[in-house]
Amino acid sequence: MSGVIVQIFGTKKCPDTRKAERWFKERGIRVQSVDLGEKGLSPGELRSVAARVGGIEVLIDRASKRYVDKGLKYAAPTGARIEALLLDDPLLLKTPIVRRGSDATLGFCPDTWETWRQKS
C-alpha cells in the first residue's frame, strides 16, 4: 500500500479510531484522518461504505449515548431514515470507518487491513 492513502473516519476520543491510526502509521502507511465532529461523509461516500460493510443499518451506533439522547432508541429508524440521520449527524456513525479505494471496513479490523497491505 505504499502509494495508497487510507482514509480513517472517526473522532479524536474514539479509542478504536486511535488504534486504527496507530496500526497504519506503524506500518508506514499514509493516513488521512477525518474527524466526524468536523466533517461527515458525503451521500455518495456513505452509500459506498454501506455497500461494503453490510448495509446502512450496521453503520448507525445504536449503543451510543448520542443515539439514546436523540430518542432514536424508541423510534427504531431503518433504511432511508438512517441514511438521513447519518448525513445530518455523522457522530451517530460507528467508528472507525476505514477506506482504501473502493474497500471499506467498520471498526478495528487489522486482519482485513493486513490483507489489503499484502495485495498491494
Protein backbone atom coordinates (compact mmCIF):
# COMPACT_ATOMS: atom_id res chain seq x y z
CA MET A 1 0.00 0.00 0.00
CA SER A 2 2.98 2.26 -0.48
CA GLY A 3 1.30 4.85 -2.70
CA VAL A 4 -2.20 4.36 -1.38
CA ILE A 5 -3.64 6.74 1.18
CA VAL A 6 -6.02 5.24 3.70
CA GLN A 7 -8.87 7.41 5.00
CA ILE A 8 -9.93 6.93 8.59
CA PHE A 9 -13.23 8.50 9.64
CA GLY A 10 -13.73 8.76 13.38
CA THR A 11 -13.39 11.04 16.37
CA LYS A 12 -10.40 12.03 18.44
CA LYS A 13 -11.99 10.48 21.55
CA CYS A 14 -12.68 7.07 19.98
CA PRO A 15 -10.11 4.50 21.18
CA ASP A 16 -10.66 2.23 18.15
CA THR A 17 -10.08 5.15 15.79
CA ARG A 18 -6.79 5.93 17.55
CA LYS A 19 -5.81 2.24 17.39
CA ALA A 20 -6.55 2.16 13.65
CA GLU A 21 -4.45 5.27 13.01
CA ARG A 22 -1.59 3.77 15.01
CA TRP A 23 -1.85 0.41 13.16
CA PHE A 24 -1.39 2.05 9.76
CA LYS A 25 1.29 4.50 10.88
CA GLU A 26 3.35 1.70 12.48
CA ARG A 27 3.42 0.02 9.06
CA GLY A 28 4.42 3.18 7.23
CA ILE A 29 1.07 3.60 5.50
CA ARG A 30 -0.09 7.15 4.88
CA VAL A 31 -3.31 8.04 6.65
CA GLN A 32 -5.80 10.84 6.08
CA SER A 33 -7.79 11.27 9.29
CA VAL A 34 -11.26 12.76 9.02
CA ASP A 35 -12.82 13.97 12.28
CA LEU A 36 -16.55 13.27 12.08
CA GLY A 37 -17.12 16.11 14.53
CA GLU A 38 -15.93 18.50 11.82
CA LYS A 39 -16.88 16.80 8.55
CA GLY A 40 -19.19 13.93 7.72
CA LEU A 41 -19.35 11.63 4.74
CA SER A 42 -20.95 12.79 1.51
CA PRO A 43 -24.10 10.93 0.39
CA GLY A 44 -22.03 9.02 -2.18
CA GLU A 45 -19.34 8.10 0.35
CA LEU A 46 -21.96 6.95 2.85
CA ARG A 47 -23.68 4.71 0.27
CA SER A 48 -20.35 3.31 -0.92
CA VAL A 49 -19.24 2.45 2.61
CA ALA A 50 -22.66 0.97 3.43
CA ALA A 51 -22.42 -1.30 0.38
CA ARG A 52 -19.01 -2.57 1.53
CA VAL A 53 -19.81 -3.18 5.21
CA GLY A 54 -23.22 -4.84 5.03
CA GLY A 55 -25.74 -2.05 4.60
CA ILE A 56 -26.77 1.26 6.10
CA GLU A 57 -28.27 -0.45 9.17
CA VAL A 58 -24.86 -1.53 10.52
CA LEU A 59 -23.40 1.98 10.27
CA ILE A 60 -25.52 3.59 12.97
CA ASP A 61 -24.17 3.28 16.51
CA ARG A 62 -27.26 2.17 18.40
CA ALA A 63 -25.23 1.78 21.61
CA SER A 64 -24.07 5.40 21.66
CA LYS A 65 -25.25 7.96 24.17
CA ARG A 66 -25.99 10.31 21.27
CA TYR A 67 -28.40 7.76 19.74
CA VAL A 68 -30.24 7.37 23.05
CA ASP A 69 -30.24 11.13 23.78
CA LYS A 70 -31.90 11.82 20.43
CA GLY A 71 -34.71 9.42 21.34
CA LEU A 72 -33.80 7.10 18.50
CA LYS A 73 -33.80 4.01 20.69
CA TYR A 74 -37.59 4.05 20.68
CA ALA A 75 -38.05 5.42 17.17
CA ALA A 76 -36.05 2.47 15.71
CA PRO A 77 -35.18 4.13 12.40
CA THR A 78 -34.47 1.99 9.33
CA GLY A 79 -33.28 2.40 5.73
CA ALA A 80 -33.63 5.88 4.26
CA ARG A 81 -34.30 7.39 7.69
CA ILE A 82 -30.95 6.06 8.96
CA GLU A 83 -29.19 7.47 5.90
CA ALA A 84 -30.76 10.90 6.53
CA LEU A 85 -29.80 10.77 10.22
CA LEU A 86 -26.18 9.83 9.44
CA LEU A 87 -25.83 12.58 6.84
CA ASP A 88 -27.31 15.12 9.25
CA ASP A 89 -25.36 13.92 12.32
CA PRO A 90 -22.19 11.97 11.43
CA LEU A 91 -21.42 11.45 15.13
CA LEU A 92 -24.10 8.72 15.05
CA LEU A 93 -21.78 6.58 12.90
CA LYS A 94 -19.93 3.59 14.32
CA THR A 95 -16.22 4.20 14.12
CA PRO A 96 -13.67 3.92 12.79
CA ILE A 97 -14.66 3.74 9.14
CA VAL A 98 -11.52 2.90 7.18
CA ARG A 99 -11.46 3.37 3.39
CA ARG A 100 -8.86 2.36 0.87
CA GLY A 101 -10.01 2.99 -2.68
CA SER A 102 -13.33 1.20 -3.03
CA ASP A 103 -12.68 -1.03 0.02
CA ALA A 104 -14.06 -0.15 3.45
CA THR A 105 -14.24 -1.57 6.96
CA LEU A 106 -16.18 -0.65 10.07
CA GLY A 107 -14.47 -0.94 13.45
CA PHE A 108 -10.96 -2.12 14.27
CA CYS A 109 -10.22 -4.77 11.58
CA PRO A 110 -6.46 -5.41 11.43
CA ASP A 111 -6.85 -8.80 9.70
CA THR A 112 -8.66 -7.19 6.76
CA TRP A 113 -6.17 -4.32 6.62
CA GLU A 114 -3.28 -6.80 6.57
CA THR A 115 -4.92 -8.48 3.56
CA TRP A 116 -5.11 -5.09 1.83
CA ARG A 117 -1.46 -4.49 2.62
CA GLN A 118 -0.36 -7.86 1.23
CA LYS A 119 -2.30 -7.32 -2.02
CA SER A 120 -0.55 -4.01 -2.69
